[in-house]
């Protein structure tokens, strides 16, 4: 099953994680709580008064920034959309590789090599690999794995960049909102996948705060993040899923364009959890390069942070 979803801005805006938005603007996490206040002047005054006097000026800045952001979201809703593309595929684990099959195209398969922790955070705990959350081929029963990508209309990132309407503040605001909207689109898409398309959690009822706290069953690791750190995996996922169908292209380094984009995998195993691959040794690097079919030196560039 492969689907492409298009959303209005007001459909995905409720899923924005404002903590990351304020972090991008240099605000400590405690200031992001202002996002919970909806149209209540008294509530804003009480919130502001709750800060020590030396912090109130910064709290007032955070309040104004949120006001500007919400005003821009209303503006963006008139002209822009966000997009998600996902596929749910029969899959099984073969060692530290995932094998995906496409039931809509007989005989089409792909192998996605993954990395395993080599230094457990806590003694006695297993060294994890994402392939651990998928049935092994030896069981003879196919599991299911999801592949996804999400982004915004490309022009959103370039608003107020140049010309008669150039405005540095508004341009940066549009960029940071585009990043958050791409992530919010992935969040909403994943919720719909769990409820209906995949349907393994049809009775799930979580608040947005609970979604951001990852209280749902399963995980959605993104490419470039700690459990899926190799950005070049985007080349494999793009070839399999077709990122271009929602306007995403890749640079020679595997980075996505528009910048406001996210891609990754979806797992439904109840025990699946996020983890950091962390540092890997030369032995795993060599094995991974062999499984990827790429030269060691090239893989070193993609995994520099893990070596």
C-alpha atoms as a PDB file:
ATOM      1  CA  UNK A   1       0.000   0.000   0.000  1.00  0.00           C
ATOM      2  CA  UNK A   2       1.379   3.404  -1.016  1.00  0.00           C
ATOM      3  CA  UNK A   3      -0.493   6.653  -0.376  1.00  0.00           C
ATOM      4  CA  UNK A   4       0.080  10.374  -0.887  1.00  0.00           C
ATOM      5  CA  UNK A   5      -1.681  12.788   1.469  1.00  0.00           C
ATOM      6  CA  UNK A   6      -2.059  16.560   1.118  1.00  0.00           C
ATOM      7  CA  UNK A   7      -3.040  18.756   4.053  1.00  0.00           C
ATOM      8  CA  UNK A   8      -4.149  22.318   4.605  1.00  0.00           C
ATOM      9  CA  UNK A   9      -1.968  24.254   7.021  1.00  0.00           C
ATOM     10  CA  UNK A  10      -4.770  24.510   9.569  1.00  0.00           C
ATOM     11  CA  UNK A  11      -5.069  20.703   9.531  1.00  0.00           C
ATOM     12  CA  UNK A  12      -1.489  20.122  10.663  1.00  0.00           C
ATOM     13  CA  UNK A  13      -0.839  23.280  12.730  1.00  0.00           C
ATOM     14  CA  UNK A  14      -2.360  21.690  15.890  1.00  0.00           C
ATOM     15  CA  UNK A  15       0.384  19.038  15.703  1.00  0.00           C
ATOM     16  CA  UNK A  16       3.263  21.540  15.818  1.00  0.00           C
ATOM     17  CA  UNK A  17       5.763  20.905  18.586  1.00  0.00           C
ATOM     18  CA  UNK A  18       6.290  24.448  19.803  1.00  0.00           C
ATOM     19  CA  UNK A  19       9.154  23.446  22.093  1.00  0.00           C
ATOM     20  CA  UNK A  20      11.360  22.860  19.046  1.00  0.00           C
ATOM     21  CA  UNK A  21      10.106  26.050  17.428  1.00  0.00           C
ATOM     22  CA  UNK A  22      11.141  28.149  20.417  1.00  0.00           C
ATOM     23  CA  UNK A  23      14.413  26.246  20.690  1.00  0.00           C
ATOM     24  CA  UNK A  24      15.219  27.303  17.120  1.00  0.00           C
ATOM     25  CA  UNK A  25      14.789  30.904  18.251  1.00  0.00           C
ATOM     26  CA  UNK A  26      17.045  30.449  21.277  1.00  0.00           C
ATOM     27  CA  UNK A  27      14.369  30.272  23.983  1.00  0.00           C
ATOM     28  CA  UNK A  28      14.702  27.822  26.908  1.00  0.00           C
ATOM     29  CA  UNK A  29      11.958  25.130  27.029  1.00  0.00           C
ATOM     30  CA  UNK A  30      10.006  26.814  29.856  1.00  0.00           C
ATOM     31  CA  UNK A  31       9.043  29.690  27.553  1.00  0.00           C
ATOM     32  CA  UNK A  32       7.315  27.368  25.077  1.00  0.00           C
ATOM     33  CA  UNK A  33       4.475  26.828  27.570  1.00  0.00           C
ATOM     34  CA  UNK A  34       2.908  30.022  26.254  1.00  0.00           C
ATOM     35  CA  UNK A  35       1.752  27.960  23.257  1.00  0.00           C
ATOM     36  CA  UNK A  36      -0.848  26.310  25.505  1.00  0.00           C
ATOM     37  CA  UNK A  37      -2.656  29.620  25.965  1.00  0.00           C
ATOM     38  CA  UNK A  38      -5.404  30.172  23.422  1.00  0.00           C
ATOM     39  CA  UNK A  39      -6.997  33.615  23.119  1.00  0.00           C
ATOM     40  CA  UNK A  40      -7.074  34.494  26.810  1.00  0.00           C
ATOM     41  CA  UNK A  41      -5.530  37.849  27.734  1.00  0.00           C
ATOM     42  CA  UNK A  42      -5.927  37.206  31.470  1.00  0.00           C
ATOM     43  CA  UNK A  43      -4.199  33.834  31.082  1.00  0.00           C
ATOM     44  CA  UNK A  44      -1.302  35.494  29.249  1.00  0.00           C
ATOM     45  CA  UNK A  45      -0.947  38.078  32.005  1.00  0.00           C
ATOM     46  CA  UNK A  46      -0.925  35.367  34.669  1.00  0.00           C
ATOM     47  CA  UNK A  47       1.639  33.369  32.665  1.00  0.00           C
ATOM     48  CA  UNK A  48       3.881  36.398  32.308  1.00  0.00           C
ATOM     49  CA  UNK A  49       3.588  37.289  35.989  1.00  0.00           C
ATOM     50  CA  UNK A  50       4.736  33.782  36.879  1.00  0.00           C
ATOM     51  CA  UNK A  51       8.287  34.541  35.717  1.00  0.00           C
ATOM     52  CA  UNK A  52      10.891  36.244  37.921  1.00  0.00           C
ATOM     53  CA  UNK A  53      11.297  39.906  37.090  1.00  0.00           C
ATOM     54  CA  UNK A  54      14.638  39.415  35.228  1.00  0.00           C
ATOM     55  CA  UNK A  55      12.977  36.904  32.847  1.00  0.00           C
ATOM     56  CA  UNK A  56       9.783  38.782  32.047  1.00  0.00           C
ATOM     57  CA  UNK A  57      11.211  40.720  29.118  1.00  0.00           C
ATOM     58  CA  UNK A  58      12.264  37.459  27.454  1.00  0.00           C
ATOM     59  CA  UNK A  59       8.892  35.890  28.287  1.00  0.00           C
ATOM     60  CA  UNK A  60       7.174  38.863  26.644  1.00  0.00           C
ATOM     61  CA  UNK A  61       9.350  38.321  23.552  1.00  0.00           C
ATOM     62  CA  UNK A  62       8.290  34.670  23.450  1.00  0.00           C
ATOM     63  CA  UNK A  63       4.661  35.719  23.708  1.00  0.00           C
ATOM     64  CA  UNK A  64       5.044  38.158  20.825  1.00  0.00           C
ATOM     65  CA  UNK A  65       6.910  35.585  18.725  1.00  0.00           C
ATOM     66  CA  UNK A  66       4.075  33.112  19.145  1.00  0.00           C
ATOM     67  CA  UNK A  67       1.574  35.791  18.153  1.00  0.00           C
ATOM     68  CA  UNK A  68       3.580  36.527  15.002  1.00  0.00           C
ATOM     69  CA  UNK A  69       3.875  32.791  14.242  1.00  0.00           C
ATOM     70  CA  UNK A  70       0.142  32.181  14.551  1.00  0.00           C
ATOM     71  CA  UNK A  71      -0.578  35.195  12.365  1.00  0.00           C
ATOM     72  CA  UNK A  72       1.795  33.826   9.736  1.00  0.00           C
ATOM     73  CA  UNK A  73       0.173  30.380   9.923  1.00  0.00           C
ATOM     74  CA  UNK A  74      -3.145  32.023   9.040  1.00  0.00           C
ATOM     75  CA  UNK A  75      -1.410  33.704   6.092  1.00  0.00           C
ATOM     76  CA  UNK A  76       0.245  30.467   4.948  1.00  0.00           C
ATOM     77  CA  UNK A  77      -3.094  28.656   5.068  1.00  0.00           C
ATOM     78  CA  UNK A  78      -4.310  30.718   2.130  1.00  0.00           C
ATOM     79  CA  UNK A  79      -1.604  29.655  -0.318  1.00  0.00           C
ATOM     80  CA  UNK A  80       0.305  26.616   0.889  1.00  0.00           C
ATOM     81  CA  UNK A  81      -0.108  22.932   1.692  1.00  0.00           C
ATOM     82  CA  UNK A  82       1.944  20.185   3.278  1.00  0.00           C
ATOM     83  CA  UNK A  83       2.405  16.691   1.860  1.00  0.00           C
ATOM     84  CA  UNK A  84       3.120  13.201   3.094  1.00  0.00           C
ATOM     85  CA  UNK A  85       3.833  10.012   1.214  1.00  0.00           C
ATOM     86  CA  UNK A  86       4.001   6.627   2.882  1.00  0.00           C
ATOM     87  CA  UNK A  87       4.040   2.964   2.032  1.00  0.00           C
ATOM     88  CA  UNK A  88       3.282  -0.119   4.113  1.00  0.00           C
ATOM     89  CA  UNK A  89       5.193  -3.158   2.924  1.00  0.00           C
ATOM     90  CA  UNK A  90       5.627  -6.824   3.767  1.00  0.00           C
ATOM     91  CA  UNK A  91       9.021  -7.055   5.425  1.00  0.00           C
ATOM     92  CA  UNK A  92      11.372  -9.308   7.331  1.00  0.00           C
ATOM     93  CA  UNK A  93      14.726  -8.993   9.021  1.00  0.00           C
ATOM     94  CA  UNK A  94      17.793 -10.673   7.586  1.00  0.00           C
ATOM     95  CA  UNK A  95      20.485 -10.136  10.180  1.00  0.00           C
ATOM     96  CA  UNK A  96      20.825  -6.360  10.525  1.00  0.00           C
ATOM     97  CA  UNK A  97      19.128  -5.737   7.171  1.00  0.00           C
ATOM     98  CA  UNK A  98      15.491  -5.096   6.389  1.00  0.00           C
ATOM     99  CA  UNK A  99      14.026  -6.700   3.276  1.00  0.00           C
ATOM    100  CA  UNK A 100      11.002  -4.891   1.868  1.00  0.00           C
ATOM    101  CA  UNK A 101       8.658  -6.337  -0.751  1.00  0.00           C
ATOM    102  CA  UNK A 102       6.092  -4.553  -2.895  1.00  0.00           C
ATOM    103  CA  UNK A 103       2.897  -6.607  -3.291  1.00  0.00           C
ATOM    104  CA  UNK A 104       1.681  -4.205  -5.986  1.00  0.00           C
ATOM    105  CA  UNK A 105       4.710  -5.007  -8.159  1.00  0.00           C
ATOM    106  CA  UNK A 106       5.475  -8.699  -8.203  1.00  0.00           C
ATOM    107  CA  UNK A 107       9.096  -9.532  -7.565  1.00  0.00           C
ATOM    108  CA  UNK A 108      10.104  -6.006  -6.486  1.00  0.00           C
ATOM    109  CA  UNK A 109      12.254  -6.089  -3.351  1.00  0.00           C
ATOM    110  CA  UNK A 110      14.839  -3.921  -1.694  1.00  0.00           C
ATOM    111  CA  UNK A 111      17.401  -4.460   1.043  1.00  0.00           C
ATOM    112  CA  UNK A 112      17.926  -1.731   3.627  1.00  0.00           C
ATOM    113  CA  UNK A 113      21.079  -2.245   5.727  1.00  0.00           C
ATOM    114  CA  UNK A 114      20.916  -0.871   9.267  1.00  0.00           C
ATOM    115  CA  UNK A 115      23.382  -0.180  12.071  1.00  0.00           C
ATOM    116  CA  UNK A 116      23.606  -1.783  15.520  1.00  0.00           C
ATOM    117  CA  UNK A 117      24.749  -0.310  18.804  1.00  0.00           C
ATOM    118  CA  UNK A 118      28.206  -1.499  19.758  1.00  0.00           C
ATOM    119  CA  UNK A 119      28.408   0.204  23.134  1.00  0.00           C
ATOM    120  CA  UNK A 120      25.328  -0.353  25.278  1.00  0.00           C
ATOM    121  CA  UNK A 121      24.393   2.628  27.425  1.00  0.00           C
ATOM    122  CA  UNK A 122      23.800   0.383  30.437  1.00  0.00           C
ATOM    123  CA  UNK A 123      25.768  -2.804  31.185  1.00  0.00           C
ATOM    124  CA  UNK A 124      23.656  -5.884  30.569  1.00  0.00           C
ATOM    125  CA  UNK A 125      21.285  -4.215  28.126  1.00  0.00           C
ATOM    126  CA  UNK A 126      21.100  -5.449  24.516  1.00  0.00           C
ATOM    127  CA  UNK A 127      22.830  -3.652  21.674  1.00  0.00           C
ATOM    128  CA  UNK A 128      19.872  -2.638  19.530  1.00  0.00           C
ATOM    129  CA  UNK A 129      19.281  -2.425  15.794  1.00  0.00           C
ATOM    130  CA  UNK A 130      15.999  -1.334  14.200  1.00  0.00           C
ATOM    131  CA  UNK A 131      15.854  -4.720  12.490  1.00  0.00           C
ATOM    132  CA  UNK A 132      15.269  -6.260  15.934  1.00  0.00           C
ATOM    133  CA  UNK A 133      11.686  -4.963  15.842  1.00  0.00           C
ATOM    134  CA  UNK A 134      10.777  -6.958  12.703  1.00  0.00           C
ATOM    135  CA  UNK A 135      10.188 -10.695  12.374  1.00  0.00           C
ATOM    136  CA  UNK A 136      13.263 -12.539  11.112  1.00  0.00           C
ATOM    137  CA  UNK A 137      13.138 -14.365   7.795  1.00  0.00           C
ATOM    138  CA  UNK A 138      13.610 -17.680   9.616  1.00  0.00           C
ATOM    139  CA  UNK A 139      10.070 -17.450  11.016  1.00  0.00           C
ATOM    140  CA  UNK A 140       8.621 -17.652   7.523  1.00  0.00           C
ATOM    141  CA  UNK A 141       5.950 -15.030   8.292  1.00  0.00           C
ATOM    142  CA  UNK A 142       6.124 -11.566   6.776  1.00  0.00           C
ATOM    143  CA  UNK A 143       5.915  -8.564   9.077  1.00  0.00           C
ATOM    144  CA  UNK A 144       5.009  -5.015   8.023  1.00  0.00           C
ATOM    145  CA  UNK A 145       7.252  -1.939   7.918  1.00  0.00           C
ATOM    146  CA  UNK A 146       6.300   1.583   6.891  1.00  0.00           C
ATOM    147  CA  UNK A 147       8.372   4.038   4.858  1.00  0.00           C
ATOM    148  CA  UNK A 148       7.452   7.732   4.845  1.00  0.00           C
ATOM    149  CA  UNK A 149       8.434  11.215   3.759  1.00  0.00           C
ATOM    150  CA  UNK A 150       6.794  14.561   4.565  1.00  0.00           C
ATOM    151  CA  UNK A 151       7.400  18.114   3.422  1.00  0.00           C
ATOM    152  CA  UNK A 152       5.844  21.496   2.661  1.00  0.00           C
ATOM    153  CA  UNK A 153       5.295  23.382  -0.587  1.00  0.00           C
ATOM    154  CA  UNK A 154       8.784  24.425  -1.670  1.00  0.00           C
ATOM    155  CA  UNK A 155       7.981  28.114  -1.954  1.00  0.00           C
ATOM    156  CA  UNK A 156       7.200  28.406   1.745  1.00  0.00           C
ATOM    157  CA  UNK A 157      10.885  28.427   2.697  1.00  0.00           C
ATOM    158  CA  UNK A 158      11.617  31.321   0.346  1.00  0.00           C
ATOM    159  CA  UNK A 159       8.911  33.716   1.488  1.00  0.00           C
ATOM    160  CA  UNK A 160      10.198  37.237   2.189  1.00  0.00           C
ATOM    161  CA  UNK A 161      13.652  36.192   0.968  1.00  0.00           C
ATOM    162  CA  UNK A 162      14.175  38.903  -1.623  1.00  0.00           C
ATOM    163  CA  UNK A 163      12.409  41.402  -3.830  1.00  0.00           C
ATOM    164  CA  UNK A 164      10.013  44.127  -2.779  1.00  0.00           C
ATOM    165  CA  UNK A 165       8.709  42.046   0.169  1.00  0.00           C
ATOM    166  CA  UNK A 166      12.118  41.048   1.586  1.00  0.00           C
ATOM    167  CA  UNK A 167      12.026  40.917   5.377  1.00  0.00           C
ATOM    168  CA  UNK A 168      14.709  39.070   7.357  1.00  0.00           C
ATOM    169  CA  UNK A 169      12.506  38.422  10.391  1.00  0.00           C
ATOM    170  CA  UNK A 170       9.539  37.171   8.393  1.00  0.00           C
ATOM    171  CA  UNK A 171      11.819  35.051   6.210  1.00  0.00           C
ATOM    172  CA  UNK A 172      13.339  33.326   9.244  1.00  0.00           C
ATOM    173  CA  UNK A 173       9.886  32.919  10.771  1.00  0.00           C
ATOM    174  CA  UNK A 174       8.605  31.276   7.580  1.00  0.00           C
ATOM    175  CA  UNK A 175      11.610  28.928   7.531  1.00  0.00           C
ATOM    176  CA  UNK A 176      11.258  27.823  11.140  1.00  0.00           C
ATOM    177  CA  UNK A 177       7.513  27.336  10.738  1.00  0.00           C
ATOM    178  CA  UNK A 178       8.102  25.301   7.568  1.00  0.00           C
ATOM    179  CA  UNK A 179      10.417  22.973   9.518  1.00  0.00           C
ATOM    180  CA  UNK A 180       7.814  22.516  12.240  1.00  0.00           C
ATOM    181  CA  UNK A 181       5.007  21.995   9.726  1.00  0.00           C
ATOM    182  CA  UNK A 182       6.948  19.233   7.974  1.00  0.00           C
ATOM    183  CA  UNK A 183       7.404  17.443  11.312  1.00  0.00           C
ATOM    184  CA  UNK A 184       3.760  18.111  12.236  1.00  0.00           C
ATOM    185  CA  UNK A 185       2.707  16.578   8.925  1.00  0.00           C
ATOM    186  CA  UNK A 186       4.668  13.426   9.726  1.00  0.00           C
ATOM    187  CA  UNK A 187       3.010  13.354  13.158  1.00  0.00           C
ATOM    188  CA  UNK A 188      -0.500  13.643  11.724  1.00  0.00           C
ATOM    189  CA  UNK A 189       0.246  11.136   8.957  1.00  0.00           C
ATOM    190  CA  UNK A 190       1.600   8.621  11.481  1.00  0.00           C
ATOM    191  CA  UNK A 191      -1.493   9.024  13.646  1.00  0.00           C
ATOM    192  CA  UNK A 192      -3.737   8.308  10.657  1.00  0.00           C
ATOM    193  CA  UNK A 193      -1.587   5.326   9.691  1.00  0.00           C
ATOM    194  CA  UNK A 194      -1.926   3.801  13.167  1.00  0.00           C
ATOM    195  CA  UNK A 195      -5.672   4.449  13.278  1.00  0.00           C
ATOM    196  CA  UNK A 196      -6.776   3.446   9.779  1.00  0.00           C
ATOM    197  CA  UNK A 197      -4.288   2.746   6.971  1.00  0.00           C
ATOM    198  CA  UNK A 198      -2.264   0.213   8.970  1.00  0.00           C
ATOM    199  CA  UNK A 199      -4.877   0.124  11.680  1.00  0.00           C
ATOM    200  CA  UNK A 200      -2.879  -1.576  14.412  1.00  0.00           C
ATOM    201  CA  UNK A 201      -4.040   0.983  17.021  1.00  0.00           C
ATOM    202  CA  UNK A 202      -7.624   1.877  15.990  1.00  0.00           C
ATOM    203  CA  UNK A 203      -8.726   2.732  19.535  1.00  0.00           C
ATOM    204  CA  UNK A 204      -5.813   5.030  20.339  1.00  0.00           C
ATOM    205  CA  UNK A 205      -6.873   8.399  21.762  1.00  0.00           C
ATOM    206  CA  UNK A 206      -3.911  10.626  22.556  1.00  0.00           C
ATOM    207  CA  UNK A 207      -3.588  14.348  23.095  1.00  0.00           C
ATOM    208  CA  UNK A 208      -1.063  16.306  21.042  1.00  0.00           C
ATOM    209  CA  UNK A 209       1.138  16.520  24.137  1.00  0.00           C
ATOM    210  CA  UNK A 210       1.020  12.722  24.451  1.00  0.00           C
ATOM    211  CA  UNK A 211       1.880  12.358  20.757  1.00  0.00           C
ATOM    212  CA  UNK A 212       4.917  14.600  21.234  1.00  0.00           C
ATOM    213  CA  UNK A 213       5.877  12.496  24.255  1.00  0.00           C
ATOM    214  CA  UNK A 214       5.677   9.425  21.955  1.00  0.00           C
ATOM    215  CA  UNK A 215       3.060   7.613  24.024  1.00  0.00           C
ATOM    216  CA  UNK A 216       1.798   5.767  20.946  1.00  0.00           C
ATOM    217  CA  UNK A 217       2.558   2.140  20.118  1.00  0.00           C
ATOM    218  CA  UNK A 218       5.490   1.724  17.750  1.00  0.00           C
ATOM    219  CA  UNK A 219       8.102   4.220  16.623  1.00  0.00           C
ATOM    220  CA  UNK A 220       8.815   6.534  13.680  1.00  0.00           C
ATOM    221  CA  UNK A 221      12.619   6.905  13.445  1.00  0.00           C
ATOM    222  CA  UNK A 222      13.716   9.559  10.975  1.00  0.00           C
ATOM    223  CA  UNK A 223      16.733   9.428   8.694  1.00  0.00           C
ATOM    224  CA  UNK A 224      19.640  11.306  10.230  1.00  0.00           C
ATOM    225  CA  UNK A 225      18.378  10.771  13.775  1.00  0.00           C
ATOM    226  CA  UNK A 226      20.220   8.644  16.394  1.00  0.00           C
ATOM    227  CA  UNK A 227      18.773   5.213  15.549  1.00  0.00           C
ATOM    228  CA  UNK A 228      18.963   5.805  11.774  1.00  0.00           C
ATOM    229  CA  UNK A 229      22.011   8.079  11.467  1.00  0.00           C
ATOM    230  CA  UNK A 230      23.121   7.375   7.901  1.00  0.00           C
ATOM    231  CA  UNK A 231      21.725  10.184   5.745  1.00  0.00           C
ATOM    232  CA  UNK A 232      22.590   8.214   2.606  1.00  0.00           C
ATOM    233  CA  UNK A 233      19.714   5.868   3.513  1.00  0.00           C
ATOM    234  CA  UNK A 234      17.571   8.535   1.869  1.00  0.00           C
ATOM    235  CA  UNK A 235      18.806   7.336  -1.530  1.00  0.00           C
ATOM    236  CA  UNK A 236      17.393   3.856  -0.843  1.00  0.00           C
ATOM    237  CA  UNK A 237      14.113   5.161   0.587  1.00  0.00           C
ATOM    238  CA  UNK A 238      13.664   7.619  -2.268  1.00  0.00           C
ATOM    239  CA  UNK A 239      14.231   4.936  -4.874  1.00  0.00           C
ATOM    240  CA  UNK A 240      11.707   2.721  -3.107  1.00  0.00           C
ATOM    241  CA  UNK A 241       8.997   5.224  -2.150  1.00  0.00           C
ATOM    242  CA  UNK A 242       9.420   8.035  -4.678  1.00  0.00           C
ATOM    243  CA  UNK A 243      10.041  11.237  -2.722  1.00  0.00           C
ATOM    244  CA  UNK A 244       9.722  13.242  -5.933  1.00  0.00           C
ATOM    245  CA  UNK A 245       5.972  12.576  -5.931  1.00  0.00           C
ATOM    246  CA  UNK A 246       5.651  15.129  -3.121  1.00  0.00           C
ATOM    247  CA  UNK A 247       8.326  17.479  -4.432  1.00  0.00           C
ATOM    248  CA  UNK A 248      11.373  16.247  -2.490  1.00  0.00           C
ATOM    249  CA  UNK A 249      14.734  15.940  -4.232  1.00  0.00           C
ATOM    250  CA  UNK A 250      18.070  14.830  -2.790  1.00  0.00           C
ATOM    251  CA  UNK A 251      21.471  16.454  -2.882  1.00  0.00           C
ATOM    252  CA  UNK A 252      24.590  14.414  -3.620  1.00  0.00           C
ATOM    253  CA  UNK A 253      24.982  14.045   0.154  1.00  0.00           C
ATOM    254  CA  UNK A 254      21.468  12.661   0.673  1.00  0.00           C
ATOM    255  CA  UNK A 255      20.049  15.851   2.183  1.00  0.00           C
ATOM    256  CA  UNK A 256      16.457  16.655   1.262  1.00  0.00           C
ATOM    257  CA  UNK A 257      15.215  19.701  -0.612  1.00  0.00           C
ATOM    258  CA  UNK A 258      13.133  21.515   0.534  1.00  0.00           C
ATOM    259  CA  UNK A 259      15.048  21.659   3.807  1.00  0.00           C
ATOM    260  CA  UNK A 260      11.689  21.455   5.585  1.00  0.00           C
ATOM    261  CA  UNK A 261      11.307  17.727   5.023  1.00  0.00           C
ATOM    262  CA  UNK A 262      11.570  14.531   7.032  1.00  0.00           C
ATOM    263  CA  UNK A 263      11.768  10.874   6.030  1.00  0.00           C
ATOM    264  CA  UNK A 264      12.111   7.571   7.812  1.00  0.00           C
ATOM    265  CA  UNK A 265      10.571   4.264   8.818  1.00  0.00           C
ATOM    266  CA  UNK A 266       7.565   3.145  10.858  1.00  0.00           C
ATOM    267  CA  UNK A 267       7.507   0.110  13.155  1.00  0.00           C
ATOM    268  CA  UNK A 268       4.500  -1.275  15.024  1.00  0.00           C
ATOM    269  CA  UNK A 269       6.150  -3.669  17.491  1.00  0.00           C
ATOM    270  CA  UNK A 270       4.919  -2.830  21.023  1.00  0.00           C
ATOM    271  CA  UNK A 271       8.463  -3.157  22.373  1.00  0.00           C
ATOM    272  CA  UNK A 272       9.985  -0.898  19.707  1.00  0.00           C
ATOM    273  CA  UNK A 273      11.741   2.102  21.190  1.00  0.00           C
ATOM    274  CA  UNK A 274      14.081   4.869  20.162  1.00  0.00           C
ATOM    275  CA  UNK A 275      17.780   4.508  20.815  1.00  0.00           C
ATOM    276  CA  UNK A 276      21.076   5.987  19.700  1.00  0.00           C
ATOM    277  CA  UNK A 277      23.410   3.844  17.602  1.00  0.00           C
ATOM    278  CA  UNK A 278      26.283   5.924  18.928  1.00  0.00           C
ATOM    279  CA  UNK A 279      29.909   5.086  18.161  1.00  0.00           C
ATOM    280  CA  UNK A 280      30.619   2.119  15.912  1.00  0.00           C
ATOM    281  CA  UNK A 281      33.878   0.306  15.310  1.00  0.00           C
ATOM    282  CA  UNK A 282      35.883  -0.225  12.161  1.00  0.00           C
ATOM    283  CA  UNK A 283      34.562  -3.786  11.987  1.00  0.00           C
ATOM    284  CA  UNK A 284      30.917  -2.688  11.730  1.00  0.00           C
ATOM    285  CA  UNK A 285      31.803   0.137   9.348  1.00  0.00           C
ATOM    286  CA  UNK A 286      33.457  -2.375   7.023  1.00  0.00           C
ATOM    287  CA  UNK A 287      30.512  -4.766   7.278  1.00  0.00           C
ATOM    288  CA  UNK A 288      27.999  -1.961   6.731  1.00  0.00           C
ATOM    289  CA  UNK A 289      29.863  -0.650   3.679  1.00  0.00           C
ATOM    290  CA  UNK A 290      29.845  -4.177   2.250  1.00  0.00           C
ATOM    291  CA  UNK A 291      26.107  -4.525   2.845  1.00  0.00           C
ATOM    292  CA  UNK A 292      25.474  -1.112   1.284  1.00  0.00           C
ATOM    293  CA  UNK A 293      27.712  -1.955  -1.659  1.00  0.00           C
ATOM    294  CA  UNK A 294      29.644   1.297  -1.211  1.00  0.00           C
ATOM    295  CA  UNK A 295      33.354   2.044  -0.667  1.00  0.00           C
ATOM    296  CA  UNK A 296      34.564   2.353   2.927  1.00  0.00           C
ATOM    297  CA  UNK A 297      35.800   5.886   2.344  1.00  0.00           C
ATOM    298  CA  UNK A 298      32.378   6.997   1.152  1.00  0.00           C
ATOM    299  CA  UNK A 299      30.643   5.433   4.143  1.00  0.00           C
ATOM    300  CA  UNK A 300      33.121   7.151   6.464  1.00  0.00           C
ATOM    301  CA  UNK A 301      31.877  10.507   5.198  1.00  0.00           C
ATOM    302  CA  UNK A 302      28.239   9.644   5.836  1.00  0.00           C
ATOM    303  CA  UNK A 303      28.957   8.173   9.295  1.00  0.00           C
ATOM    304  CA  UNK A 304      31.658  10.576  10.458  1.00  0.00           C
ATOM    305  CA  UNK A 305      29.711  11.457  13.611  1.00  0.00           C
ATOM    306  CA  UNK A 306      29.470   7.779  14.579  1.00  0.00           C
ATOM    307  CA  UNK A 307      33.126   6.853  14.127  1.00  0.00           C
END
